[in-house]
Protein backbone atom coordinates (compact mmCIF):
# COMPACT_ATOMS: atom_id res chain seq x y z
CA UNK A 1 -18.47 -16.63 12.97
CA UNK A 2 -17.21 -19.49 16.27
CA UNK A 3 -17.88 -23.04 14.89
CA UNK A 4 -17.20 -25.10 17.89
CA UNK A 5 -18.04 -28.53 15.46
CA UNK A 6 -17.24 -31.29 17.51
CA UNK A 7 -15.24 -29.89 20.48
CA UNK A 8 -16.09 -29.55 24.28
CA UNK A 9 -17.44 -26.17 25.01
CA UNK A 10 -13.72 -25.84 27.32
CA UNK A 11 -11.36 -27.28 24.33
CA UNK A 12 -13.24 -25.24 21.98
CA UNK A 13 -12.80 -21.99 24.80
CA UNK A 14 -8.53 -22.91 25.03
CA UNK A 15 -8.28 -22.96 21.46
CA UNK A 16 -10.45 -19.97 20.36
CA UNK A 17 -8.29 -18.16 22.94
CA UNK A 18 -5.34 -19.60 21.97
CA UNK A 19 -6.09 -18.24 18.53
CA UNK A 20 -6.58 -14.75 19.47
CA UNK A 21 -3.34 -14.52 22.35
CA UNK A 22 -1.39 -15.67 18.18
CA UNK A 23 -2.92 -13.00 16.63
CA UNK A 24 -0.88 -10.84 18.95
CA UNK A 25 -3.69 -9.71 21.88
CA UNK A 26 -3.03 -10.04 25.40
CA UNK A 27 -4.26 -13.41 27.34
CA UNK A 28 -6.37 -11.39 29.50
CA UNK A 29 -8.04 -9.59 26.68
CA UNK A 30 -8.17 -12.42 24.38
CA UNK A 31 -10.78 -14.09 27.00
CA UNK A 32 -12.84 -11.15 27.12
CA UNK A 33 -12.97 -11.07 23.25
CA UNK A 34 -13.90 -14.91 23.02
CA UNK A 35 -17.23 -14.14 25.03
CA UNK A 36 -17.94 -11.20 23.38
CA UNK A 37 -17.52 -13.01 20.25
CA UNK A 38 -19.49 -16.38 21.60
CA UNK A 39 -22.25 -13.92 22.89
CA UNK A 40 -22.65 -12.59 19.82
CA UNK A 41 -23.21 -15.75 17.92
CA UNK A 42 -26.15 -16.59 20.13
CA UNK A 43 -29.63 -16.26 18.16
CA UNK A 44 -31.49 -13.25 18.56
CA UNK A 45 -34.77 -13.69 16.54
CA UNK A 46 -36.46 -16.55 14.93
CA UNK A 47 -37.23 -17.52 11.78
CA UNK A 48 -40.21 -15.45 11.41
CA UNK A 49 -38.19 -12.84 12.64
CA UNK A 50 -35.79 -12.07 9.78
CA UNK A 51 -34.70 -8.01 8.94
CA UNK A 52 -35.45 -7.81 5.14
CA UNK A 53 -32.21 -6.08 3.35
CA UNK A 54 -31.22 -4.03 0.40
CA UNK A 55 -27.71 -3.59 -1.16
CA UNK A 56 -27.12 -0.33 -2.75
CA UNK A 57 -24.22 -0.13 -4.66
CA UNK A 58 -22.87 -3.81 -5.89
CA UNK A 59 -20.46 -5.29 -8.18
CA UNK A 60 -18.14 -8.27 -8.84
CA UNK A 61 -15.23 -8.73 -7.47
CA UNK A 62 -13.62 -7.21 -4.18
CA UNK A 63 -15.78 -4.46 -4.10
CA UNK A 64 -16.83 -3.73 -0.56
CA UNK A 65 -20.35 -4.44 -1.00
CA UNK A 66 -19.42 -8.18 -1.48
CA UNK A 67 -17.13 -8.15 1.99
CA UNK A 68 -20.83 -6.19 3.21
CA UNK A 69 -22.79 -8.70 1.86
CA UNK A 70 -20.47 -12.04 3.10
CA UNK A 71 -20.45 -10.50 6.41
CA UNK A 72 -24.69 -10.02 6.66
CA UNK A 73 -25.31 -13.60 5.41
CA UNK A 74 -23.94 -15.13 8.17
CA UNK A 75 -26.46 -13.82 10.17
CA UNK A 76 -29.07 -16.56 8.60
CA UNK A 77 -31.01 -16.42 11.57
CA UNK A 78 -31.43 -12.64 11.25
CA UNK A 79 -31.06 -11.57 7.71
CA UNK A 80 -33.05 -11.93 4.10
CA UNK A 81 -31.76 -10.09 1.13
CA UNK A 82 -34.85 -8.62 -0.97
CA UNK A 83 -33.15 -6.59 -3.49
CA UNK A 84 -30.01 -5.13 -5.00
CA UNK A 85 -29.40 -1.81 -6.61
CA UNK A 86 -26.73 -0.48 -9.13
CA UNK A 87 -26.52 1.98 -12.19
CA UNK A 88 -24.74 -0.39 -13.92
CA UNK A 89 -26.30 -3.57 -15.49
CA UNK A 90 -23.33 -6.02 -15.35
CA UNK A 91 -22.51 -5.33 -11.94
CA UNK A 92 -26.52 -5.27 -11.03
CA UNK A 93 -26.74 -8.58 -13.13
CA UNK A 94 -24.07 -10.14 -11.30
CA UNK A 95 -25.36 -9.51 -8.21
CA UNK A 96 -28.57 -10.79 -8.62
CA UNK A 97 -27.58 -14.13 -9.87
CA UNK A 98 -25.15 -13.93 -6.69
CA UNK A 99 -27.64 -13.95 -3.94
CA UNK A 100 -30.46 -16.00 -5.90
CA UNK A 101 -27.53 -19.04 -6.06
CA UNK A 102 -27.34 -17.68 -2.35
CA UNK A 103 -31.13 -19.01 -1.85
CA UNK A 104 -31.74 -15.01 -1.68
CA UNK A 105 -34.75 -14.32 -3.82
CA UNK A 106 -33.67 -10.73 -4.40
CA UNK A 107 -35.34 -7.72 -6.94
CA UNK A 108 -32.82 -5.80 -9.02
CA UNK A 109 -33.22 -2.21 -9.59
CA UNK A 110 -31.16 0.50 -11.49
CA UNK A 111 -32.93 3.49 -9.48
CA UNK A 112 -32.11 3.54 -5.56
CA UNK A 113 -35.63 5.36 -5.12
CA UNK A 114 -37.15 2.69 -5.77
CA UNK A 115 -35.82 0.87 -3.16
CA UNK A 116 -36.81 3.43 -1.20
CA UNK A 117 -40.74 2.51 -2.13
CA UNK A 118 -40.40 -0.97 -1.72
CA UNK A 119 -42.09 -1.44 1.60
CA UNK A 120 -40.21 -4.80 2.44
CA UNK A 121 -37.10 -3.43 2.85
CA UNK A 122 -35.85 -3.15 6.50
CA UNK A 123 -32.56 -1.37 6.35
CA UNK A 124 -29.71 -0.97 3.47
CA UNK A 125 -26.62 -1.40 2.85
CA UNK A 126 -25.09 1.57 1.22
CA UNK A 127 -21.91 0.44 -0.67
CA UNK A 128 -21.93 3.30 -3.32
CA UNK A 129 -19.41 5.87 -4.52
CA UNK A 130 -18.77 8.48 -1.56
CA UNK A 131 -20.71 11.21 -3.24
CA UNK A 132 -23.67 9.41 -3.03
CA UNK A 133 -23.95 8.36 0.33
CA UNK A 134 -25.80 11.09 2.42
CA UNK A 135 -28.45 11.48 -0.61
CA UNK A 136 -29.00 7.81 -0.19
CA UNK A 137 -28.68 7.27 3.47
CA UNK A 138 -30.90 10.35 4.23
CA UNK A 139 -33.13 8.96 1.77
CA UNK A 140 -33.62 5.84 3.07
CA UNK A 141 -34.17 7.29 7.17
CA UNK A 142 -37.16 8.75 5.34
CA UNK A 143 -38.05 5.82 3.99
CA UNK A 144 -38.71 4.37 7.44
CA UNK A 145 -35.33 2.45 6.69
CA UNK A 146 -32.40 1.99 8.69
CA UNK A 147 -29.12 2.37 7.15
CA UNK A 148 -25.13 0.79 7.12
CA UNK A 149 -22.89 3.28 5.40
CA UNK A 150 -19.62 2.68 4.56
CA UNK A 151 -17.06 4.98 5.60
CA UNK A 152 -16.39 7.83 4.54
CA UNK A 153 -19.95 8.44 5.70
CA UNK A 154 -19.90 11.89 3.73
CA UNK A 155 -18.74 13.78 1.05
CA UNK A 156 -18.85 17.47 2.59
CA UNK A 157 -19.16 18.99 6.40
CA UNK A 158 -22.83 20.39 5.04
CA UNK A 159 -23.54 16.18 4.86
CA UNK A 160 -22.33 15.28 8.02
CA UNK A 161 -24.78 17.44 10.15
CA UNK A 162 -27.41 16.72 7.46
CA UNK A 163 -27.16 13.24 8.16
CA UNK A 164 -27.18 13.94 12.37
CA UNK A 165 -30.14 15.91 11.49
CA UNK A 166 -31.65 13.05 9.98
CA UNK A 167 -30.87 10.49 12.32
CA UNK A 168 -32.15 12.62 14.89
CA UNK A 169 -35.96 13.63 13.16
CA UNK A 170 -36.27 9.75 11.58
CA UNK A 171 -34.95 7.66 15.13
CA UNK A 172 -33.42 5.26 12.42
CA UNK A 173 -30.13 3.12 13.28
CA UNK A 174 -27.56 4.46 11.38
CA UNK A 175 -23.86 2.42 11.49
CA UNK A 176 -21.04 4.10 10.17
CA UNK A 177 -18.56 1.22 8.24
CA UNK A 178 -15.62 2.23 10.28
CA UNK A 179 -15.17 -1.24 11.15
CA UNK A 180 -11.53 -1.13 13.22
CA UNK A 181 -13.80 -0.54 16.16
CA UNK A 182 -14.97 -3.74 16.73
CA UNK A 183 -13.12 -6.12 14.22
CA UNK A 184 -8.85 -6.46 13.16
CA UNK A 185 -9.22 -8.84 16.49
CA UNK A 186 -9.97 -6.04 18.47
CA UNK A 187 -6.21 -4.50 18.74
CA UNK A 188 -7.92 -1.06 17.63
CA UNK A 189 -10.22 -1.21 20.68
CA UNK A 190 -7.60 -2.11 23.10
CA UNK A 191 -5.01 0.13 22.20
CA UNK A 192 -7.96 2.64 22.52
CA UNK A 193 -8.42 1.39 25.98
CA UNK A 194 -4.60 1.28 26.77
CA UNK A 195 -4.25 4.99 25.76
CA UNK A 196 -7.57 5.76 27.76
CA UNK A 197 -6.25 3.78 30.97
CA UNK A 198 -3.12 6.41 30.82
CA UNK A 199 -0.55 3.82 30.07
CA UNK A 200 1.52 6.28 28.27
CA UNK A 201 1.09 9.12 30.10
CA UNK A 202 -0.43 12.46 28.87
CA UNK A 203 -0.78 12.01 24.77
CA UNK A 204 1.35 14.40 23.32
CA UNK A 205 0.65 13.52 19.40
CA UNK A 206 -0.87 10.69 17.56
CA UNK A 207 0.52 10.10 13.28
CA UNK A 208 -2.10 8.43 11.00
CA UNK A 209 -0.11 7.07 8.66
CA UNK A 210 -2.52 6.35 5.66
CA UNK A 211 -0.20 6.22 2.54
CA UNK A 212 -0.12 7.83 -0.62
CA UNK A 213 -2.75 9.08 -3.48
CA UNK A 214 -2.83 6.67 -6.64
CA UNK A 215 -1.51 9.34 -9.71
CA UNK A 216 -2.29 8.50 -13.15
CA UNK A 217 -1.64 11.52 -15.53
CA UNK A 218 -4.18 12.34 -17.70
CA UNK A 219 -6.90 9.86 -18.90
CA UNK A 220 -8.49 9.84 -22.48
CA UNK A 221 -12.29 10.73 -22.62
CA UNK A 222 -14.00 7.68 -23.88
CA UNK A 223 -17.74 6.42 -24.48
CA UNK A 224 -18.90 4.76 -21.23
CA UNK A 225 -19.68 1.61 -21.60
CA UNK A 226 -23.27 0.69 -22.86
CA UNK A 227 -24.08 -1.41 -19.33
CA UNK A 228 -23.36 2.12 -17.12
CA UNK A 229 -25.74 4.87 -16.85
CA UNK A 230 -22.86 7.25 -16.74
CA UNK A 231 -25.23 10.09 -15.73
CA UNK A 232 -26.86 8.43 -12.96
CA UNK A 233 -23.59 7.49 -11.60
CA UNK A 234 -22.41 11.07 -11.38
CA UNK A 235 -25.52 12.10 -10.04
CA UNK A 236 -25.19 15.26 -7.91
CA UNK A 237 -21.74 15.85 -9.07
CA UNK A 238 -20.80 17.75 -12.04
CA UNK A 239 -21.21 16.70 -15.45
CA UNK A 240 -18.01 15.29 -17.18
CA UNK A 241 -16.95 13.15 -20.00
CA UNK A 242 -16.78 9.28 -18.97
CA UNK A 243 -12.36 8.35 -18.57
CA UNK A 244 -10.97 5.41 -19.03
CA UNK A 245 -7.01 4.04 -20.09
CA UNK A 246 -4.78 1.48 -19.19
CA UNK A 247 -1.94 1.91 -17.03
CA UNK A 248 1.54 2.23 -18.93
CA UNK A 249 3.31 0.70 -15.83
CA UNK A 250 1.04 -1.88 -14.96
CA UNK A 251 -0.65 -3.47 -18.15
CA UNK A 252 -3.50 -5.14 -16.44
CA UNK A 253 -4.39 -1.91 -14.23
CA UNK A 254 -7.01 0.79 -15.51
CA UNK A 255 -7.43 4.58 -14.85
CA UNK A 256 -11.11 6.00 -14.77
CA UNK A 257 -13.02 8.52 -13.57
CA UNK A 258 -15.56 5.71 -12.60
CA UNK A 259 -15.69 2.15 -10.61
CA UNK A 260 -13.74 2.23 -7.33
CA UNK A 261 -11.06 4.68 -8.71
CA UNK A 262 -12.92 7.83 -7.83
CA UNK A 263 -11.55 7.36 -4.54
CA UNK A 264 -8.86 9.63 -6.13
CA UNK A 265 -10.75 12.84 -7.26
CA UNK A 266 -11.92 15.16 -5.29
CA UNK A 267 -15.32 15.55 -7.31
CA UNK A 268 -16.14 12.41 -5.97
CA UNK A 269 -14.37 11.20 -2.60
CA UNK A 270 -11.38 12.80 -0.43
CA UNK A 271 -8.60 10.49 -1.43
CA UNK A 272 -6.91 8.79 1.28
CA UNK A 273 -7.47 11.58 3.85
CA UNK A 274 -11.16 10.13 3.86
CA UNK A 275 -10.24 6.59 2.43
CA UNK A 276 -7.78 5.65 5.24
CA UNK A 277 -8.30 8.57 7.03
CA UNK A 278 -11.98 7.65 7.93
CA UNK A 279 -10.46 4.43 9.70
CA UNK A 280 -7.11 5.86 11.75
CA UNK A 281 -8.69 9.57 12.26
CA UNK A 282 -11.58 8.11 13.57
CA UNK A 283 -8.95 5.48 15.56
CA UNK A 284 -7.87 8.78 17.25
CA UNK A 285 -10.62 10.67 17.83
CA UNK A 286 -11.81 7.73 19.44
CA UNK A 287 -8.13 7.59 21.97
CA UNK A 288 -8.82 11.24 23.04
CA UNK A 289 -12.55 11.09 23.78
CA UNK A 290 -13.58 13.58 20.75
CA UNK A 291 -16.23 10.89 19.44
CA UNK A 292 -18.91 13.57 18.27
CA UNK A 293 -16.10 17.17 18.56
CA UNK A 294 -12.72 17.43 17.16
CA UNK A 295 -10.09 19.71 17.06
CA UNK A 296 -9.58 23.47 16.72
CA UNK A 297 -7.04 23.98 13.94
CA UNK A 298 -5.42 22.65 10.98
CA UNK A 299 -2.86 23.04 8.65
CA UNK A 300 -0.84 21.90 5.98
CA UNK A 301 2.90 21.11 6.65
CA UNK A 302 3.73 19.82 3.67
CA UNK A 303 1.89 18.45 0.21
CA UNK A 304 2.89 17.64 -3.36
CA UNK A 305 1.06 20.08 -6.09
CA UNK A 306 -1.84 17.55 -8.03
CA UNK A 307 -2.60 17.70 -11.33
CA UNK A 308 -5.38 20.57 -11.50
CA UNK A 309 -6.61 20.49 -15.24
CA UNK A 310 -9.31 18.04 -14.24
CA UNK A 311 -8.41 14.72 -16.44
CA UNK A 312 -6.70 12.79 -14.41
CA UNK A 313 -6.46 11.88 -10.38
CA UNK A 314 -6.06 15.27 -8.24
CA UNK A 315 -5.98 14.01 -4.80
CA UNK A 316 -2.23 15.09 -3.33
CA UNK A 317 0.28 12.37 -4.04
CA UNK A 318 1.96 12.90 -0.57
CA UNK A 319 0.93 15.18 1.93
CA UNK A 320 1.38 15.96 5.48
CA UNK A 321 -1.70 17.68 7.81
CA UNK A 322 -1.77 18.47 11.62
CA UNK A 323 -4.88 18.88 13.52
CA UNK A 324 -4.43 20.56 16.50
CA UNK A 325 -7.10 20.07 19.46
CA UNK A 326 -8.00 22.63 22.34
CA UNK A 327 -5.95 20.48 25.01
CA UNK A 328 -2.71 20.98 22.66
CA UNK A 329 -2.64 17.14 21.51
CA UNK A 330 -1.56 17.25 17.55
CA UNK A 331 -2.84 14.60 15.29
CA UNK A 332 -0.87 14.70 12.18
CA UNK A 333 -2.63 12.57 8.87
CA UNK A 334 0.40 11.89 5.93
CA UNK A 335 1.15 9.17 3.10
CA UNK A 336 4.08 8.34 5.54
CA UNK A 337 6.29 10.87 6.76
CA UNK A 338 5.64 9.96 10.24
CA UNK A 339 8.60 9.24 13.18
CA UNK A 340 10.11 6.17 13.46
CA UNK A 341 9.50 4.04 16.73
CA UNK A 342 12.70 2.04 18.02
CA UNK A 343 12.63 -0.53 20.36
CA UNK A 344 8.75 -2.04 20.46
CA UNK A 345 7.69 -5.16 22.01
CA UNK A 346 4.83 -7.32 21.25
CA UNK A 347 1.85 -8.08 23.81
CA UNK A 348 4.69 -10.73 25.21
CA UNK A 349 7.60 -8.23 25.47
CA UNK A 350 9.10 -9.68 22.30
CA UNK A 351 11.13 -7.09 20.43
CA UNK A 352 9.78 -5.97 16.95
CA UNK A 353 12.52 -7.21 14.78
CA UNK A 354 13.35 -3.13 13.03
CA UNK A 355 12.03 -0.16 13.63
CA UNK A 356 8.17 0.69 13.03
CA UNK A 357 9.32 3.19 10.04
CA UNK A 358 7.57 6.51 9.30
CA UNK A 359 5.56 4.85 6.53
CA UNK A 360 3.91 1.78 7.99
CA UNK A 361 0.22 2.24 7.68
CA UNK A 362 -1.22 2.51 11.15
CA UNK A 363 -1.72 4.69 13.96
CA UNK A 364 0.88 5.67 16.78
CA UNK A 365 0.14 6.98 19.66
CA UNK A 366 3.39 9.34 21.33
CA UNK A 367 2.79 10.11 25.42
CA UNK A 368 4.91 11.41 27.89
CA UNK A 369 6.03 7.90 29.60
CA UNK A 370 5.42 5.60 26.06
CA UNK A 371 4.27 4.48 22.96
CA UNK A 372 1.30 2.42 21.43
CA UNK A 373 1.47 1.64 17.43
CA UNK A 374 -1.45 -0.16 16.21
CA UNK A 375 -1.93 -1.09 12.69
CA UNK A 376 -4.64 -4.03 11.16
CA UNK A 377 -1.40 -6.97 11.78
CA UNK A 378 0.25 -5.55 15.14
CA UNK A 379 0.11 -4.49 18.47
CA UNK A 380 3.12 -2.56 19.96
CA UNK A 381 4.17 -0.35 22.75
CA UNK A 382 8.03 1.10 24.01
CA UNK A 383 7.20 -1.34 27.54
CA UNK A 384 5.07 -4.78 28.05
CA UNK A 385 3.91 -3.06 31.49
CA UNK A 386 2.05 -1.27 28.73
CA UNK A 387 -0.23 -4.15 28.25
CA UNK A 388 -0.78 -5.62 32.03
CA UNK A 389 -4.97 -6.36 32.59
CA UNK A 390 -7.04 -3.08 33.27
CA UNK A 391 -8.91 -2.92 36.67
CA UNK A 392 -11.08 -0.52 35.39
CA UNK A 393 -12.89 -0.80 32.39
CA UNK A 394 -13.10 2.22 30.50
CA UNK A 395 -16.26 1.51 29.48
CA UNK A 396 -15.65 2.58 25.35
CA UNK A 397 -19.11 0.98 24.82
CA UNK A 398 -21.50 -0.63 26.68
CA UNK A 399 -20.88 -4.08 25.05
CA UNK A 400 -17.71 -5.34 23.08
CA UNK A 401 -19.17 -5.95 19.54
CA UNK A 402 -17.11 -8.33 17.88
CA UNK A 403 -18.34 -7.98 14.30
CA UNK A 404 -19.49 -4.40 12.67
CA UNK A 405 -22.71 -5.81 10.99
CA UNK A 406 -23.59 -7.90 13.80
CA UNK A 407 -23.63 -4.74 15.59
CA UNK A 408 -25.70 -2.85 12.92
CA UNK A 409 -28.49 -5.94 12.95
CA UNK A 410 -28.83 -6.19 16.74
CA UNK A 411 -29.06 -2.06 17.00
CA UNK A 412 -31.96 -2.83 14.46
CA UNK A 413 -33.64 -5.08 17.04
CA UNK A 414 -32.65 -3.20 20.26
CA UNK A 415 -33.46 0.33 18.81
CA UNK A 416 -29.90 0.74 20.48
CA UNK A 417 -27.24 3.25 19.38
CA UNK A 418 -24.29 1.52 17.07
CA UNK A 419 -20.60 1.69 17.98
CA UNK A 420 -20.04 3.87 15.50
CA UNK A 421 -23.28 5.57 14.90
CA UNK A 422 -23.77 8.65 13.64
CA UNK A 423 -22.26 11.13 16.37
CA UNK A 424 -19.46 8.86 15.58
CA UNK A 425 -19.36 8.48 12.16
CA UNK A 426 -19.97 12.53 11.42
CA UNK A 427 -17.87 13.72 13.73
CA UNK A 428 -14.96 11.79 12.61
CA UNK A 429 -15.33 12.38 8.59
CA UNK A 430 -15.40 16.38 9.50
CA UNK A 431 -11.98 15.78 10.87
CA UNK A 432 -11.11 14.10 7.78
CA UNK A 433 -12.69 16.95 5.76
CA UNK A 434 -11.04 19.76 7.27
CA UNK A 435 -7.44 17.62 6.47
CA UNK A 436 -8.81 17.68 2.42
CA UNK A 437 -10.14 21.61 2.78
CA UNK A 438 -6.60 22.46 4.62
CA UNK A 439 -4.60 20.72 1.51
CA UNK A 440 -6.91 22.42 -0.81
CA UNK A 441 -6.40 25.58 0.17
CA UNK A 442 -3.15 26.10 1.50
CA UNK A 443 -4.37 27.88 4.49
CA UNK A 444 -3.84 27.59 7.99
CA UNK A 445 -7.48 27.56 9.39
CA UNK A 446 -9.06 27.90 12.88
CA UNK A 447 -11.90 25.66 13.22
CA UNK A 448 -15.11 26.09 15.43
CA UNK A 449 -16.40 23.26 16.39
CA UNK A 450 -19.38 24.44 17.75
CA UNK A 451 -20.57 26.37 14.65
CA UNK A 452 -18.68 24.13 12.22
CA UNK A 453 -16.84 26.67 10.48
CA UNK A 454 -13.56 28.15 9.86
CA UNK A 455 -11.88 31.43 10.29
CA UNK A 456 -11.23 31.54 6.30
CA UNK A 457 -14.66 32.24 3.91
CA UNK A 458 -12.56 30.80 1.07
CA UNK A 459 -12.28 27.62 3.53
CA UNK A 460 -15.91 27.83 4.83
CA UNK A 461 -17.31 28.37 0.51
CA UNK A 462 -15.73 24.16 1.20
CA UNK A 463 -18.11 23.10 3.63
CA UNK A 464 -20.58 22.17 0.91
CA UNK A 465 -20.72 21.75 -2.91
CA UNK A 466 -23.43 22.49 -5.08
CA UNK A 467 -25.29 19.45 -6.55
CA UNK A 468 -26.50 18.59 -10.35
CA UNK A 469 -29.98 17.62 -11.09
CA UNK A 470 -31.51 18.99 -8.09
CA UNK A 471 -30.35 16.44 -5.91
CA UNK A 472 -31.07 17.30 -2.08
CA UNK A 473 -30.36 15.80 1.24
CA UNK A 474 -32.76 17.54 2.85
């Protein structure tokens, strides 16, 4: 986290604020954020009060579980890892060795249910493919364990509602892994505060640019690797053959319906709509004060035809989906077919070099008095005045957490609701699912946020999925 080294407190603070300012934040906000990060660094538990963590869904390389492990182990005074779990023996072996090298005496499991019966485990990090999230997270909460669940929180609307019921009945802490609310230098939080403070006037439209879905074409059927329990990997999803093959355009890359690439199959995920969409749609919900609620209508404005025979990636390559809220505000989600924003400036008033193109990943907010664009690398507006200090704190959350994992760990101790608790995570992922259902049906749909149903039977059939092998979420 923040490393003071041998510097004086004043010098350290000056340098830290300068670094945050150089990252594109206004000086006043950088000072506030430094204070929040410094407070988050203060130890809250002693050596005998550590949280015993298990990670479900592990592996080598750039997998999300590794990033979450790296974040959690920074809190050395708060956490102890006691278990890892994966259905791929090579991933499990790698993780056990990795964690033990770092000084953690972990046990390896191939079945998550064995983790649930381990009384030493206080909390779990769920970093499995999306179709397993709800089953495992709910089982963990029923076993008395707190949960950090990667985004998207669920595969279906039904599962999102079940997650809310599980948190309410078990009183467990659940954090959804939508870390843009806490991290990324605070850019998304500041952008949300500015929108809430009326700096762009009345919001007319928000554009979420989330990128196109990769395409594979047909992928050949092959035998699953011996170290992978393919039937358990599929779990509640339909029984299908394992597919794997080289990408003819990029010899060092491979296509599969398994590890990582599951994102581009509707059986296991929702493509970019639930991948990047779970991040950017979540921010749009936050900006519009719609946490726990959502739009009243959704329709597909444009979409490419996907592969439909089940032999390869079947998420729509290009798309533009429009969500309409009761206030008349629209949230447009596209692969990168948004408006071009001209003449934007950074927090110091310096003009952006070039326009913000319609395909640039990020969130564009169009108001009747101005514009804001925010991404993980930029925070821009139509006028420097948009970035003036905010006098009345809009109180998006009781504190200003600087790390998502740190907020989760603190809430385990305090029993407070994390910044991305189940109402937030479930509410945002339901909007994502509305988008995928509109894409897959091609229908213009009205949505009732109270009953969580559409006005058309064909769409309502997609609110839930059949679960193979008796896997249940209740």
